[in-house]
Amino acid sequence: MAFIDYYKTLGIDKTASQDDIKKAYRKLARKYHPDLNPNDKEANKQFQQINEANEALSDPEKRKKYDEYGEHWKNADQFEKQKQSQGQHSYQGAGNPFGGSSRTYTSGDFGGDFEGGDFSEFFESMFGSTRGRQSRGQAKYKGHDYQAELKLNLLDAYHTHKQTLTVNGKNLRITIPAGIADGQIIKLSGQGGPGQNGGPNGDLYITFNIAEHPVFKRLNDDVYINKEIDLYTAVLGGEATVDTLDGKVKLKVNPGTQNGTKVRLKNKGFPVYKKDDHFGNLFVTYTVKVPTELSSKQKGLFEELQKLS
């Protein structure tokens, strides 16, 4: 796995405080949030990377492991055990556990120069023999993580429901909570690849792709909709029937309503993720339809109104 500089990802240096990390993360999360960058794959990628960086650096214990082990920080406990069992040697390095600058290692990096001695045995016990020999110590390793994508429509995301997902030939029945966001990623622990040497299974990361709706526009937990009303209702007042995500409602239209007037329907928006009975708002924008085909009598009445005004 290639090394990712989490500090660079968040635009901070290694001396940053926890408050600095939090501020940097919030700023970038707002910038790259999928709701604000629909259909932008690069923004979605950036959003995932800053989430990954924040997960490691916002936790002091995880941050300590990352600072010492670089891209291998998730296996820090295993490295410590191996180092203790091997004794004799101490390996240091800011970017990786073996010293020097961080990089991606391949099996070819561990042959030749390190043949023989305890140092070679340490590598073999961690990664297995590079020349097919039986390792003297078999470390347990977590399996590979899997990535999957699940497409939903907006109404699916509005309700908590179950779906069956097939990953690597295995059917998984999962519950999708109401309020899931476009681009949101959830983790299913232990549903990834099998572990090595008795190690735990990897995890499954599911990215949700929510299609745009022809009527409703979602922004975070709020929903926006346009409603057309005729000129007479706008001038004289009346009622308008408006669609919401859970049915129709009747709204009172005040006399003299202007084109572009916006009204808010509290708690008629999208459900808040994993917060029961919490909803965003529904914003209705009125569009006043001006009649274009008037009878001579109607035209005369408008002319009379014009004279009166």
Protein backbone atom coordinates (compact mmCIF):
# COMPACT_ATOMS: atom_id res chain seq x y z
CA MET A 1 0.00 0.00 0.00
CA ALA A 2 1.45 3.38 -1.01
CA PHE A 3 2.22 5.81 1.75
CA ILE A 4 -0.34 8.59 2.27
CA ASP A 5 0.78 11.68 4.17
CA TYR A 6 -2.28 12.39 6.33
CA TYR A 7 -0.84 15.71 7.50
CA LYS A 8 -0.47 16.86 3.89
CA THR A 9 -3.97 15.63 3.11
CA LEU A 10 -5.40 17.93 5.80
CA GLY A 11 -2.99 20.77 5.00
CA ILE A 12 -1.38 20.84 8.46
CA ASP A 13 2.06 20.12 9.90
CA LYS A 14 3.08 17.46 12.40
CA THR A 15 2.97 19.89 15.31
CA ALA A 16 -0.73 20.63 14.76
CA SER A 17 -2.94 20.49 17.85
CA GLN A 18 -6.12 18.43 18.04
CA ASP A 19 -8.08 21.66 17.61
CA ASP A 20 -6.07 22.47 14.46
CA ILE A 21 -6.87 19.02 13.09
CA LYS A 22 -10.57 19.44 13.80
CA LYS A 23 -10.70 22.87 12.11
CA ALA A 24 -8.78 21.67 9.05
CA TYR A 25 -11.01 18.62 8.68
CA ARG A 26 -14.25 20.62 8.96
CA LYS A 27 -13.07 23.15 6.41
CA LEU A 28 -12.12 20.48 3.86
CA ALA A 29 -15.20 18.37 4.56
CA ARG A 30 -17.43 21.31 3.72
CA LYS A 31 -15.45 21.97 0.54
CA TYR A 32 -15.50 18.41 -0.79
CA HIS A 33 -18.80 17.12 0.63
CA PRO A 34 -20.62 15.05 -2.03
CA ASP A 35 -23.83 17.05 -1.54
CA LEU A 36 -22.00 20.16 -2.70
CA ASN A 37 -20.11 18.37 -5.49
CA PRO A 38 -22.65 16.11 -7.19
CA ASN A 39 -21.22 13.74 -9.83
CA ASP A 40 -17.69 14.96 -9.09
CA LYS A 41 -15.63 11.78 -8.67
CA GLU A 42 -12.45 13.67 -7.80
CA ALA A 43 -14.21 15.57 -5.01
CA ASN A 44 -15.64 12.29 -3.71
CA LYS A 45 -12.14 10.80 -3.70
CA GLN A 46 -10.81 13.82 -1.81
CA PHE A 47 -13.67 13.52 0.69
CA GLN A 48 -12.78 9.88 1.38
CA GLN A 49 -9.10 10.74 1.82
CA ILE A 50 -9.72 13.54 4.33
CA ASN A 51 -12.06 11.25 6.28
CA GLU A 52 -9.33 8.62 6.40
CA ALA A 53 -6.76 11.18 7.52
CA ASN A 54 -9.07 12.57 10.18
CA GLU A 55 -9.82 9.09 11.51
CA ALA A 56 -6.11 8.54 12.16
CA LEU A 57 -5.02 11.97 13.36
CA SER A 58 -8.03 12.97 15.49
CA ASP A 59 -7.43 9.99 17.79
CA PRO A 60 -4.25 10.60 19.85
CA GLU A 61 -3.46 6.87 20.11
CA LYS A 62 -3.91 6.27 16.38
CA ARG A 63 -1.94 9.41 15.62
CA LYS A 64 0.95 8.16 17.73
CA LYS A 65 1.00 4.89 15.79
CA TYR A 66 0.81 6.74 12.45
CA ASP A 67 3.69 9.06 13.39
CA GLU A 68 5.87 6.05 14.21
CA TYR A 69 4.83 3.52 11.58
CA GLY A 70 3.54 5.54 8.63
CA GLU A 71 1.44 3.49 6.20
CA HIS A 72 1.84 0.44 8.47
CA TRP A 73 0.19 2.14 11.47
CA LYS A 74 -2.85 -0.17 11.45
CA ASN A 75 -0.50 -3.11 12.12
CA ALA A 76 1.45 -1.27 14.83
CA ASP A 77 0.49 -3.71 17.58
CA GLN A 78 1.73 -6.63 15.49
CA PHE A 79 5.00 -4.85 14.76
CA GLU A 80 5.54 -4.18 18.46
CA LYS A 81 4.99 -7.82 19.34
CA GLN A 82 7.38 -8.93 16.63
CA LYS A 83 10.03 -6.46 17.72
CA GLN A 84 9.75 -7.64 21.31
CA SER A 85 9.97 -11.28 20.33
CA GLN A 86 12.97 -10.68 18.07
CA GLY A 87 14.81 -8.54 20.69
CA GLN A 88 18.32 -7.33 19.86
CA HIS A 89 17.28 -4.80 17.16
CA SER A 90 15.47 -1.46 17.16
CA TYR A 91 13.94 -0.08 13.96
CA GLN A 92 12.98 3.57 13.68
CA GLY A 93 11.68 5.91 11.00
CA ALA A 94 9.06 8.58 10.62
CA GLY A 95 7.57 7.24 7.40
CA ASN A 96 7.80 3.47 7.94
CA PRO A 97 8.81 1.01 10.65
CA PHE A 98 12.14 0.16 9.09
CA GLY A 99 13.75 3.61 8.83
CA GLY A 100 14.35 5.94 5.90
CA SER A 101 11.73 7.70 3.82
CA SER A 102 8.31 6.18 3.27
CA ARG A 103 7.62 4.21 0.09
CA THR A 104 5.71 1.23 -1.27
CA TYR A 105 7.51 -2.06 -0.65
CA THR A 106 7.44 -5.09 -2.91
CA SER A 107 8.75 -8.58 -2.32
CA GLY A 108 11.88 -7.72 -4.29
CA ASP A 109 12.83 -5.09 -1.70
CA PHE A 110 13.37 -7.77 0.92
CA GLY A 111 15.85 -10.08 -0.82
CA GLY A 112 19.59 -9.95 -1.46
CA ASP A 113 20.94 -7.25 0.84
CA PHE A 114 19.24 -8.69 3.92
CA GLU A 115 20.10 -12.36 3.48
CA GLY A 116 21.00 -14.15 6.72
CA GLY A 117 21.02 -12.91 10.30
CA ASP A 118 18.29 -11.78 12.61
CA PHE A 119 17.31 -8.84 10.40
CA SER A 120 16.34 -11.16 7.53
CA GLU A 121 14.44 -13.39 9.94
CA PHE A 122 12.55 -10.35 11.23
CA PHE A 123 11.36 -9.51 7.72
CA GLU A 124 10.43 -13.10 7.04
CA SER A 125 8.43 -13.37 10.24
CA MET A 126 6.54 -10.20 9.32
CA PHE A 127 5.98 -10.72 5.58
CA GLY A 128 6.87 -14.35 4.89
CA SER A 129 10.00 -15.61 3.15
CA THR A 130 10.95 -13.76 -0.04
CA ARG A 131 12.52 -16.91 -1.47
CA GLY A 132 9.80 -19.40 -0.64
CA ARG A 133 11.34 -20.63 2.61
CA GLN A 134 9.21 -21.54 5.61
CA SER A 135 9.12 -18.55 8.00
CA ARG A 136 10.42 -19.11 11.49
CA GLY A 137 7.55 -17.04 12.90
CA GLN A 138 4.11 -16.66 11.27
CA ALA A 139 2.50 -13.34 12.18
CA LYS A 140 -1.25 -13.01 12.02
CA TYR A 141 -2.46 -10.44 9.51
CA LYS A 142 -5.81 -8.86 8.86
CA GLY A 143 -7.33 -9.67 5.46
CA HIS A 144 -7.73 -7.20 2.63
CA ASP A 145 -10.51 -4.64 2.84
CA TYR A 146 -13.16 -4.78 0.12
CA GLN A 147 -14.81 -1.81 -1.60
CA ALA A 148 -18.36 -1.87 -2.97
CA GLU A 149 -20.82 0.65 -4.39
CA LEU A 150 -24.56 0.62 -3.85
CA LYS A 151 -26.94 2.75 -5.92
CA LEU A 152 -30.15 4.10 -4.39
CA ASN A 153 -32.87 6.50 -5.43
CA LEU A 154 -33.85 9.38 -3.18
CA LEU A 155 -36.99 7.70 -1.87
CA ASP A 156 -34.98 4.59 -0.93
CA ALA A 157 -32.62 6.78 1.08
CA TYR A 158 -35.59 8.39 2.83
CA HIS A 159 -36.67 5.14 4.50
CA THR A 160 -34.80 2.59 6.61
CA HIS A 161 -34.86 -0.60 4.57
CA LYS A 162 -32.98 -3.81 3.85
CA GLN A 163 -31.11 -4.78 0.71
CA THR A 164 -29.07 -7.77 -0.40
CA LEU A 165 -25.56 -7.01 -1.62
CA THR A 166 -23.37 -9.57 -3.38
CA VAL A 167 -19.67 -9.16 -2.62
CA ASN A 168 -17.06 -11.63 -3.84
CA GLY A 169 -19.76 -14.26 -4.44
CA LYS A 170 -21.27 -13.85 -0.98
CA ASN A 171 -24.77 -12.46 -0.39
CA LEU A 172 -25.03 -9.99 2.47
CA ARG A 173 -28.36 -8.79 3.86
CA ILE A 174 -27.79 -5.26 5.17
CA THR A 175 -29.99 -2.64 6.80
CA ILE A 176 -29.65 0.84 5.32
CA PRO A 177 -30.58 3.57 7.82
CA ALA A 178 -32.84 6.40 6.68
CA GLY A 179 -30.96 9.57 5.86
CA ILE A 180 -27.94 7.96 4.19
CA ALA A 181 -26.11 10.58 2.09
CA ASP A 182 -24.79 10.47 -1.43
CA GLY A 183 -21.12 9.51 -1.28
CA GLN A 184 -21.38 8.32 2.32
CA ILE A 185 -19.29 5.30 3.25
CA ILE A 186 -20.19 2.73 5.87
CA LYS A 187 -17.98 -0.07 7.16
CA LEU A 188 -19.05 -3.66 7.75
CA SER A 189 -16.44 -5.17 10.03
CA GLY A 190 -15.17 -8.64 9.15
CA GLN A 191 -16.87 -8.80 5.73
CA GLY A 192 -13.68 -8.32 3.72
CA GLY A 193 -11.00 -10.78 2.64
CA PRO A 194 -9.88 -13.66 4.88
CA GLY A 195 -7.06 -13.03 7.33
CA GLN A 196 -3.62 -14.60 6.99
CA ASN A 197 -2.22 -17.12 9.43
CA GLY A 198 -5.37 -17.01 11.53
CA GLY A 199 -5.64 -13.22 11.51
CA PRO A 200 -9.01 -11.40 11.42
CA ASN A 201 -10.95 -10.84 8.21
CA GLY A 202 -10.74 -7.50 6.47
CA ASP A 203 -13.63 -5.05 6.37
CA LEU A 204 -16.14 -4.10 3.69
CA TYR A 205 -16.55 -0.42 2.82
CA ILE A 206 -19.76 0.46 0.99
CA THR A 207 -20.05 3.76 -0.87
CA PHE A 208 -23.62 4.93 -1.50
CA ASN A 209 -24.54 6.55 -4.79
CA ILE A 210 -27.90 8.33 -4.61
CA ALA A 211 -29.46 9.42 -7.89
CA GLU A 212 -30.92 12.89 -8.32
CA HIS A 213 -34.71 13.19 -8.13
CA PRO A 214 -36.69 15.01 -10.86
CA VAL A 215 -38.81 16.94 -8.32
CA PHE A 216 -36.99 17.08 -5.00
CA LYS A 217 -33.51 18.52 -4.50
CA ARG A 218 -31.70 17.46 -1.35
CA LEU A 219 -29.01 19.48 0.40
CA ASN A 220 -27.82 17.82 3.60
CA ASP A 221 -31.06 17.21 5.55
CA ASP A 222 -33.11 19.90 3.83
CA VAL A 223 -35.22 19.37 0.71
CA TYR A 224 -36.16 21.94 -1.93
CA ILE A 225 -39.09 21.94 -4.33
CA ASN A 226 -40.67 24.38 -6.80
CA LYS A 227 -44.46 24.85 -6.85
CA GLU A 228 -46.28 26.59 -9.66
CA ILE A 229 -49.34 28.70 -8.78
CA ASP A 230 -51.60 30.67 -11.09
CA LEU A 231 -51.71 34.44 -11.19
CA TYR A 232 -55.15 34.65 -9.60
CA THR A 233 -54.11 32.62 -6.56
CA ALA A 234 -50.98 34.71 -6.23
CA VAL A 235 -52.98 37.95 -6.35
CA LEU A 236 -56.05 36.97 -4.35
CA GLY A 237 -54.64 34.21 -2.13
CA GLY A 238 -55.89 30.64 -1.81
CA GLU A 239 -54.48 27.14 -1.40
CA ALA A 240 -51.81 25.07 -3.10
CA THR A 241 -51.30 21.32 -2.83
CA VAL A 242 -47.61 20.45 -2.49
CA ASP A 243 -45.84 17.09 -2.72
CA THR A 244 -43.57 16.08 0.16
CA LEU A 245 -41.48 12.95 0.58
CA ASP A 246 -44.17 11.36 2.74
CA GLY A 247 -47.33 12.56 0.99
CA LYS A 248 -49.18 15.70 -0.06
CA VAL A 249 -49.94 18.75 2.07
CA LYS A 250 -52.12 21.81 1.52
CA LEU A 251 -50.54 25.21 1.97
CA LYS A 252 -52.24 28.56 2.44
CA VAL A 253 -51.13 31.08 -0.17
CA ASN A 254 -51.25 34.63 1.08
CA PRO A 255 -52.76 37.38 -1.13
CA GLY A 256 -50.10 39.25 -3.06
CA THR A 257 -47.62 36.37 -3.13
CA GLN A 258 -44.69 37.32 -5.35
CA ASN A 259 -42.92 35.12 -7.86
CA GLY A 260 -39.98 33.38 -6.12
CA THR A 261 -41.53 33.56 -2.65
CA LYS A 262 -40.11 30.80 -0.44
CA VAL A 263 -41.90 29.13 2.46
CA ARG A 264 -40.52 26.64 4.96
CA LEU A 265 -42.26 23.49 6.12
CA LYS A 266 -40.56 22.51 9.36
CA ASN A 267 -39.62 18.82 9.81
CA LYS A 268 -40.84 17.93 6.30
CA GLY A 269 -37.36 17.45 4.89
CA PHE A 270 -35.00 14.47 4.98
CA PRO A 271 -34.57 12.27 8.06
CA VAL A 272 -31.38 12.93 10.01
CA TYR A 273 -29.05 9.94 9.76
CA LYS A 274 -29.39 7.64 12.79
CA LYS A 275 -31.45 10.18 14.76
CA ASP A 276 -34.99 8.93 15.19
CA ASP A 277 -37.77 11.48 14.68
CA HIS A 278 -35.34 14.21 13.58
CA PHE A 279 -35.91 15.75 10.16
CA GLY A 280 -34.67 18.64 8.08
CA ASN A 281 -36.97 21.19 6.51
CA LEU A 282 -38.81 21.37 3.20
CA PHE A 283 -38.48 24.67 1.34
CA VAL A 284 -41.15 25.47 -1.25
CA THR A 285 -40.47 28.17 -3.85
CA TYR A 286 -43.54 29.57 -5.61
CA THR A 287 -43.41 30.19 -9.34
CA VAL A 288 -46.27 32.42 -10.52
CA LYS A 289 -47.63 31.36 -13.90
CA VAL A 290 -48.72 34.33 -15.99
CA PRO A 291 -51.61 33.54 -18.40
CA THR A 292 -50.64 33.80 -22.06
CA GLU A 293 -53.89 33.05 -23.90
CA LEU A 294 -56.52 35.54 -22.74
CA SER A 295 -60.00 35.87 -24.10
CA SER A 296 -61.10 39.34 -25.17
CA LYS A 297 -63.21 39.61 -22.02
CA GLN A 298 -60.28 38.64 -19.78
CA LYS A 299 -58.01 41.06 -21.56
CA GLY A 300 -60.60 43.79 -21.07
CA LEU A 301 -60.78 43.10 -17.35
CA PHE A 302 -57.00 43.35 -17.04
CA GLU A 303 -57.13 46.65 -18.90
CA GLU A 304 -59.75 47.89 -16.45
CA LEU A 305 -57.51 46.83 -13.56
CA GLN A 306 -54.63 48.65 -15.17
CA LYS A 307 -56.65 51.84 -15.35
CA LEU A 308 -57.72 51.49 -11.73
CA SER A 309 -54.16 51.12 -10.57
